[in-house]
Structures are given as C-alpha cells and as structure tokens.
N, C-alpha and C. Protein backbone atom coordinates (compact mmCIF):
# COMPACT_ATOMS: atom_id res chain seq x y z
N MET A 1 68.48 51.29 35.08
CA MET A 1 68.00 52.60 35.45
C MET A 1 67.42 52.51 36.85
N ALA A 2 67.67 53.52 37.66
CA ALA A 2 67.13 53.56 39.01
C ALA A 2 65.63 53.82 38.94
N THR A 3 64.93 53.22 39.87
CA THR A 3 63.49 53.46 39.97
C THR A 3 63.20 53.99 41.35
N GLY A 4 61.97 54.33 41.62
CA GLY A 4 61.58 54.85 42.92
C GLY A 4 61.28 53.77 43.93
N ARG A 5 61.67 52.52 43.68
CA ARG A 5 61.36 51.44 44.60
C ARG A 5 62.06 51.64 45.92
N PRO A 6 61.31 51.51 47.07
CA PRO A 6 61.97 51.58 48.38
C PRO A 6 62.99 50.46 48.49
N GLY A 7 64.08 50.73 49.17
CA GLY A 7 65.10 49.73 49.40
C GLY A 7 66.07 49.54 48.25
N LEU A 8 65.91 50.26 47.15
CA LEU A 8 66.82 50.14 46.02
C LEU A 8 68.21 50.58 46.47
N GLN A 9 69.21 49.76 46.24
CA GLN A 9 70.57 50.06 46.66
C GLN A 9 71.33 50.78 45.55
N LEU A 10 72.29 51.59 45.93
CA LEU A 10 73.13 52.30 44.99
C LEU A 10 74.59 51.91 45.22
N PRO A 11 74.93 50.63 45.06
CA PRO A 11 76.29 50.20 45.35
C PRO A 11 77.31 50.89 44.45
N GLY A 12 78.35 51.40 45.08
CA GLY A 12 79.44 52.00 44.32
C GLY A 12 79.19 53.41 43.83
N ALA A 13 78.01 53.98 44.10
CA ALA A 13 77.71 55.32 43.58
C ALA A 13 78.68 56.36 44.14
N LEU A 14 78.93 56.32 45.44
CA LEU A 14 79.86 57.28 46.03
C LEU A 14 81.28 57.03 45.54
N ASP A 15 81.65 55.77 45.40
CA ASP A 15 83.00 55.46 44.91
C ASP A 15 83.25 56.08 43.53
N ALA A 16 82.23 56.06 42.68
CA ALA A 16 82.37 56.64 41.33
C ALA A 16 82.63 58.14 41.41
N VAL A 17 81.95 58.82 42.32
CA VAL A 17 82.15 60.27 42.49
C VAL A 17 83.54 60.55 43.06
N LEU A 18 83.91 59.82 44.10
CA LEU A 18 85.21 60.05 44.74
C LEU A 18 86.37 59.71 43.83
N ALA A 19 86.17 58.82 42.86
CA ALA A 19 87.23 58.46 41.93
C ALA A 19 87.62 59.63 41.03
N LEU A 20 86.78 60.65 40.97
CA LEU A 20 87.07 61.82 40.14
C LEU A 20 88.14 62.70 40.78
N ASP A 21 88.41 62.51 42.07
CA ASP A 21 89.38 63.32 42.78
C ASP A 21 90.62 62.48 43.08
N ARG A 22 91.69 63.16 43.51
CA ARG A 22 92.90 62.42 43.87
C ARG A 22 92.62 61.56 45.09
N PRO A 23 93.04 60.32 45.11
CA PRO A 23 92.76 59.43 46.26
C PRO A 23 93.25 60.02 47.56
N GLY A 24 92.36 60.01 48.55
CA GLY A 24 92.72 60.47 49.88
C GLY A 24 92.59 61.95 50.12
N LEU A 25 92.45 62.76 49.08
CA LEU A 25 92.41 64.21 49.25
C LEU A 25 91.23 64.66 50.11
N LEU A 26 90.10 64.02 49.96
CA LEU A 26 88.90 64.43 50.69
C LEU A 26 88.59 63.57 51.91
N ASP A 27 89.47 62.64 52.25
CA ASP A 27 89.18 61.71 53.34
C ASP A 27 88.77 62.39 54.65
N SER A 28 89.37 63.51 54.99
CA SER A 28 89.05 64.18 56.25
C SER A 28 87.89 65.15 56.11
N ALA A 29 87.34 65.30 54.91
CA ALA A 29 86.28 66.29 54.68
C ALA A 29 84.87 65.70 54.71
N TYR A 30 84.74 64.41 54.82
CA TYR A 30 83.41 63.82 54.80
C TYR A 30 83.35 62.57 55.68
N VAL A 31 82.14 62.22 56.06
CA VAL A 31 81.86 60.96 56.73
C VAL A 31 80.88 60.22 55.83
N ARG A 32 81.21 59.02 55.47
CA ARG A 32 80.40 58.23 54.54
C ARG A 32 79.25 57.56 55.30
N HIS A 33 78.04 57.72 54.76
CA HIS A 33 76.85 57.07 55.31
C HIS A 33 76.18 56.29 54.18
N GLU A 34 76.00 55.01 54.36
CA GLU A 34 75.26 54.21 53.39
C GLU A 34 73.78 54.53 53.56
N PHE A 35 73.05 54.60 52.46
CA PHE A 35 71.61 54.83 52.53
C PHE A 35 70.94 54.22 51.32
N SER A 36 69.65 54.06 51.45
CA SER A 36 68.81 53.62 50.33
C SER A 36 67.93 54.80 49.96
N PRO A 37 67.64 55.00 48.68
CA PRO A 37 66.75 56.10 48.29
C PRO A 37 65.45 56.03 49.08
N GLY A 38 65.03 57.17 49.57
CA GLY A 38 63.85 57.26 50.41
C GLY A 38 64.20 57.40 51.88
N ASP A 39 65.45 57.08 52.25
CA ASP A 39 65.88 57.25 53.64
C ASP A 39 65.93 58.72 54.01
N ARG A 40 65.72 58.99 55.29
CA ARG A 40 65.89 60.33 55.84
C ARG A 40 67.00 60.26 56.88
N LEU A 41 67.91 61.23 56.81
CA LEU A 41 69.07 61.24 57.70
C LEU A 41 69.18 62.59 58.37
N ASP A 42 69.63 62.61 59.61
CA ASP A 42 69.96 63.86 60.30
C ASP A 42 71.47 63.99 60.24
N ILE A 43 71.95 65.08 59.61
CA ILE A 43 73.37 65.34 59.45
C ILE A 43 73.64 66.75 59.93
N GLY A 44 74.24 66.87 61.13
CA GLY A 44 74.46 68.19 61.71
C GLY A 44 73.11 68.90 61.82
N PRO A 45 73.03 70.15 61.34
CA PRO A 45 71.77 70.89 61.43
C PRO A 45 70.78 70.53 60.32
N PHE A 46 71.14 69.61 59.45
CA PHE A 46 70.33 69.31 58.27
C PHE A 46 69.50 68.05 58.45
N GLN A 47 68.31 68.08 57.88
CA GLN A 47 67.53 66.87 57.65
C GLN A 47 67.71 66.58 56.18
N ALA A 48 68.23 65.41 55.86
CA ALA A 48 68.47 65.04 54.47
C ALA A 48 67.42 64.01 54.06
N HIS A 49 66.71 64.31 52.99
CA HIS A 49 65.70 63.42 52.44
C HIS A 49 66.24 62.93 51.09
N THR A 50 66.36 61.63 50.93
CA THR A 50 66.94 61.09 49.70
C THR A 50 65.85 60.54 48.79
N ARG A 51 66.15 60.52 47.51
CA ARG A 51 65.19 60.03 46.52
C ARG A 51 65.94 59.42 45.34
N SER A 52 65.43 58.31 44.85
CA SER A 52 65.98 57.68 43.65
C SER A 52 65.64 58.55 42.45
N LEU A 53 66.60 58.71 41.54
CA LEU A 53 66.39 59.52 40.35
C LEU A 53 66.57 58.66 39.10
N PRO A 54 65.77 58.93 38.07
CA PRO A 54 65.94 58.16 36.83
C PRO A 54 67.27 58.50 36.17
N HIS A 55 68.01 57.49 35.82
CA HIS A 55 69.32 57.70 35.22
C HIS A 55 69.79 56.38 34.63
N SER A 56 70.82 56.42 33.82
CA SER A 56 71.33 55.19 33.22
C SER A 56 72.14 54.35 34.21
N VAL A 57 72.59 54.95 35.32
CA VAL A 57 73.27 54.24 36.40
C VAL A 57 72.58 54.63 37.70
N PRO A 58 72.74 53.84 38.78
CA PRO A 58 72.08 54.21 40.04
C PRO A 58 72.43 55.64 40.44
N ASN A 59 71.43 56.39 40.84
CA ASN A 59 71.61 57.80 41.14
C ASN A 59 70.58 58.22 42.18
N ALA A 60 70.98 59.08 43.09
CA ALA A 60 70.06 59.60 44.10
C ALA A 60 70.23 61.10 44.22
N GLY A 61 69.15 61.76 44.55
CA GLY A 61 69.17 63.18 44.84
C GLY A 61 68.95 63.36 46.33
N VAL A 62 69.24 64.55 46.82
CA VAL A 62 69.04 64.83 48.24
C VAL A 62 68.39 66.19 48.39
N ARG A 63 67.51 66.28 49.35
CA ARG A 63 66.85 67.53 49.71
C ARG A 63 67.28 67.83 51.13
N LEU A 64 68.02 68.93 51.32
CA LEU A 64 68.51 69.33 52.64
C LEU A 64 67.61 70.41 53.20
N VAL A 65 67.22 70.25 54.47
CA VAL A 65 66.34 71.21 55.14
C VAL A 65 67.01 71.62 56.44
N ALA A 66 67.11 72.94 56.69
CA ALA A 66 67.63 73.47 57.94
C ALA A 66 67.11 74.89 58.12
N ASP A 67 66.65 75.19 59.32
CA ASP A 67 66.17 76.53 59.64
C ASP A 67 65.16 77.05 58.63
N GLY A 68 64.27 76.19 58.15
CA GLY A 68 63.24 76.59 57.20
C GLY A 68 63.73 76.84 55.79
N ARG A 69 65.00 76.57 55.53
CA ARG A 69 65.55 76.73 54.18
C ARG A 69 65.75 75.37 53.56
N VAL A 70 65.60 75.30 52.24
CA VAL A 70 65.67 74.02 51.52
C VAL A 70 66.63 74.14 50.35
N LEU A 71 67.47 73.12 50.19
CA LEU A 71 68.33 73.02 49.03
C LEU A 71 68.19 71.61 48.48
N ALA A 72 67.77 71.49 47.22
CA ALA A 72 67.68 70.18 46.57
C ALA A 72 68.87 70.06 45.63
N TYR A 73 69.47 68.86 45.63
CA TYR A 73 70.68 68.67 44.83
C TYR A 73 70.62 67.32 44.12
N THR A 74 71.03 67.31 42.86
CA THR A 74 71.25 66.07 42.14
C THR A 74 72.66 66.11 41.60
N GLY A 75 73.26 64.96 41.43
CA GLY A 75 74.62 64.90 40.93
C GLY A 75 74.71 64.88 39.42
N ASP A 76 73.59 64.90 38.74
CA ASP A 76 73.59 64.80 37.29
C ASP A 76 72.92 66.04 36.71
N THR A 77 73.68 67.10 36.56
CA THR A 77 73.08 68.36 36.13
C THR A 77 73.64 68.89 34.82
N GLY A 78 74.41 68.09 34.13
CA GLY A 78 75.00 68.54 32.87
C GLY A 78 73.99 68.54 31.74
N PRO A 79 74.32 69.24 30.67
CA PRO A 79 73.41 69.28 29.52
C PRO A 79 73.33 67.92 28.83
N SER A 80 72.16 67.66 28.26
CA SER A 80 71.99 66.42 27.51
C SER A 80 70.90 66.63 26.45
N PRO A 81 71.00 65.88 25.31
CA PRO A 81 69.97 66.00 24.28
C PRO A 81 68.67 65.42 24.82
N PRO A 82 67.45 65.97 24.63
CA PRO A 82 67.15 67.20 23.94
C PRO A 82 67.29 68.41 24.82
N GLY A 83 68.04 68.33 25.97
CA GLY A 83 68.25 69.46 26.87
C GLY A 83 67.16 69.58 27.91
N THR A 84 67.26 70.65 28.73
CA THR A 84 66.27 70.93 29.76
C THR A 84 65.85 72.38 29.64
N ASP A 85 64.57 72.59 29.58
CA ASP A 85 64.01 73.93 29.51
C ASP A 85 63.86 74.47 30.93
N PRO A 86 64.63 75.51 31.31
CA PRO A 86 64.54 76.04 32.68
C PRO A 86 63.12 76.43 33.08
N ALA A 87 62.32 76.96 32.17
CA ALA A 87 60.94 77.34 32.48
C ALA A 87 60.10 76.10 32.82
N ALA A 88 60.32 75.00 32.10
CA ALA A 88 59.58 73.77 32.37
C ALA A 88 59.98 73.19 33.73
N VAL A 89 61.28 73.25 34.05
CA VAL A 89 61.76 72.76 35.34
C VAL A 89 61.17 73.60 36.46
N HIS A 90 61.15 74.92 36.27
CA HIS A 90 60.58 75.82 37.28
C HIS A 90 59.10 75.51 37.50
N ALA A 91 58.36 75.32 36.43
CA ALA A 91 56.93 75.01 36.54
C ALA A 91 56.70 73.69 37.27
N ALA A 92 57.53 72.69 36.99
CA ALA A 92 57.41 71.40 37.67
C ALA A 92 57.70 71.55 39.16
N ALA A 93 58.71 72.34 39.51
CA ALA A 93 59.04 72.56 40.91
C ALA A 93 57.91 73.29 41.63
N GLU A 94 57.29 74.24 40.96
CA GLU A 94 56.18 75.00 41.56
C GLU A 94 54.99 74.09 41.90
N ARG A 95 54.82 73.01 41.16
CA ARG A 95 53.72 72.08 41.45
C ARG A 95 53.97 71.31 42.75
N GLU A 96 55.22 71.22 43.18
CA GLU A 96 55.57 70.44 44.36
C GLU A 96 55.97 71.29 45.57
N PHE A 97 56.31 72.56 45.34
CA PHE A 97 56.87 73.39 46.41
C PHE A 97 56.33 74.80 46.27
N ASP A 98 55.82 75.38 47.38
CA ASP A 98 55.22 76.71 47.28
C ASP A 98 56.14 77.84 47.75
N GLY A 99 57.40 77.53 48.02
CA GLY A 99 58.37 78.55 48.42
C GLY A 99 59.12 79.11 47.23
N ARG A 100 60.16 79.91 47.54
CA ARG A 100 61.00 80.49 46.49
C ARG A 100 61.78 79.39 45.78
N ILE A 101 61.84 79.45 44.46
CA ILE A 101 62.51 78.43 43.66
C ILE A 101 63.56 79.08 42.78
N GLY A 102 64.74 78.51 42.75
CA GLY A 102 65.79 78.96 41.84
C GLY A 102 66.23 77.78 41.00
N ILE A 103 66.56 78.02 39.76
CA ILE A 103 66.99 76.96 38.85
C ILE A 103 68.47 77.15 38.56
N ALA A 104 69.24 76.06 38.67
CA ALA A 104 70.67 76.13 38.40
C ALA A 104 70.92 76.43 36.93
N THR A 105 71.88 77.31 36.70
CA THR A 105 72.32 77.64 35.35
C THR A 105 73.84 77.59 35.33
N SER A 106 74.42 77.51 34.17
CA SER A 106 75.87 77.46 34.04
C SER A 106 76.50 78.69 34.70
N GLY A 107 77.47 78.45 35.59
CA GLY A 107 78.18 79.54 36.24
C GLY A 107 77.50 80.07 37.50
N LEU A 108 76.36 79.53 37.88
CA LEU A 108 75.64 80.00 39.06
C LEU A 108 76.45 79.75 40.33
N VAL A 109 76.52 80.75 41.20
CA VAL A 109 77.13 80.64 42.51
C VAL A 109 76.08 80.98 43.54
N VAL A 110 75.92 80.12 44.55
CA VAL A 110 74.91 80.32 45.58
C VAL A 110 75.61 80.41 46.92
N ASP A 111 75.36 81.48 47.66
CA ASP A 111 75.90 81.66 49.01
C ASP A 111 74.92 81.03 49.99
N LEU A 112 75.33 79.96 50.67
CA LEU A 112 74.44 79.25 51.59
C LEU A 112 74.56 79.74 53.01
N ALA A 113 75.36 80.75 53.25
CA ALA A 113 75.53 81.28 54.61
C ALA A 113 74.29 82.02 55.09
C-alpha cells in the first residue's frame, strides 16, 4: 500500500494505465514525466501538486491549479465496499479547502474551459 512517505516511487503506475488503451494510440497526446508523490511540477499553465494515496497498489493523485481554479484528480474513483458517502467526502474536502467543492458522481461531465 502506498504511504505518504516523501520519495516513495510509483514504478510502472503509468504503464498500467496506458496498457488499458491500444499501444501507441496516445503516444502523441502526452509527455511522460517521472515523479515522486509530493513533487510539484509546472505543466503548461498548470501547477501540479502530487500526493501519495492509500491503495492496494502504488497510486498518486494530482491537484492542478491554474488561474485561481483547482481540479483534484485521483485515478481510483470506482465504487467499492462499503462505498463512499458523497456527503462525508464533501465534509472532508471542506475541512481542507474553503472554495467551491464538487463531488464526482456517475455520469458527471465537467467543462474545464
């Protein structure tokens, strides 16, 4: 399980995600950057803040910041027993962030433009 230790490596994490797609299909759509959880990266107009997430395999989340807007993303958002209570997630987010908070739900579409 991943922990919040600085310097924790996530070897093969991106390879596992890319293996879900046809080989080579996305090659021109991304630039691969190795990072350790806790690293901060500047990517185009975004400041990306990475964090280790608890999971059964190495996993990291990212918080993207640009023009005063924030988007936090994790790659593990599917349902699991005993599930996730959206109200509890919202309350936890409010303890850490004083801006507008939205919780992902099945079928949600977000326009980032």
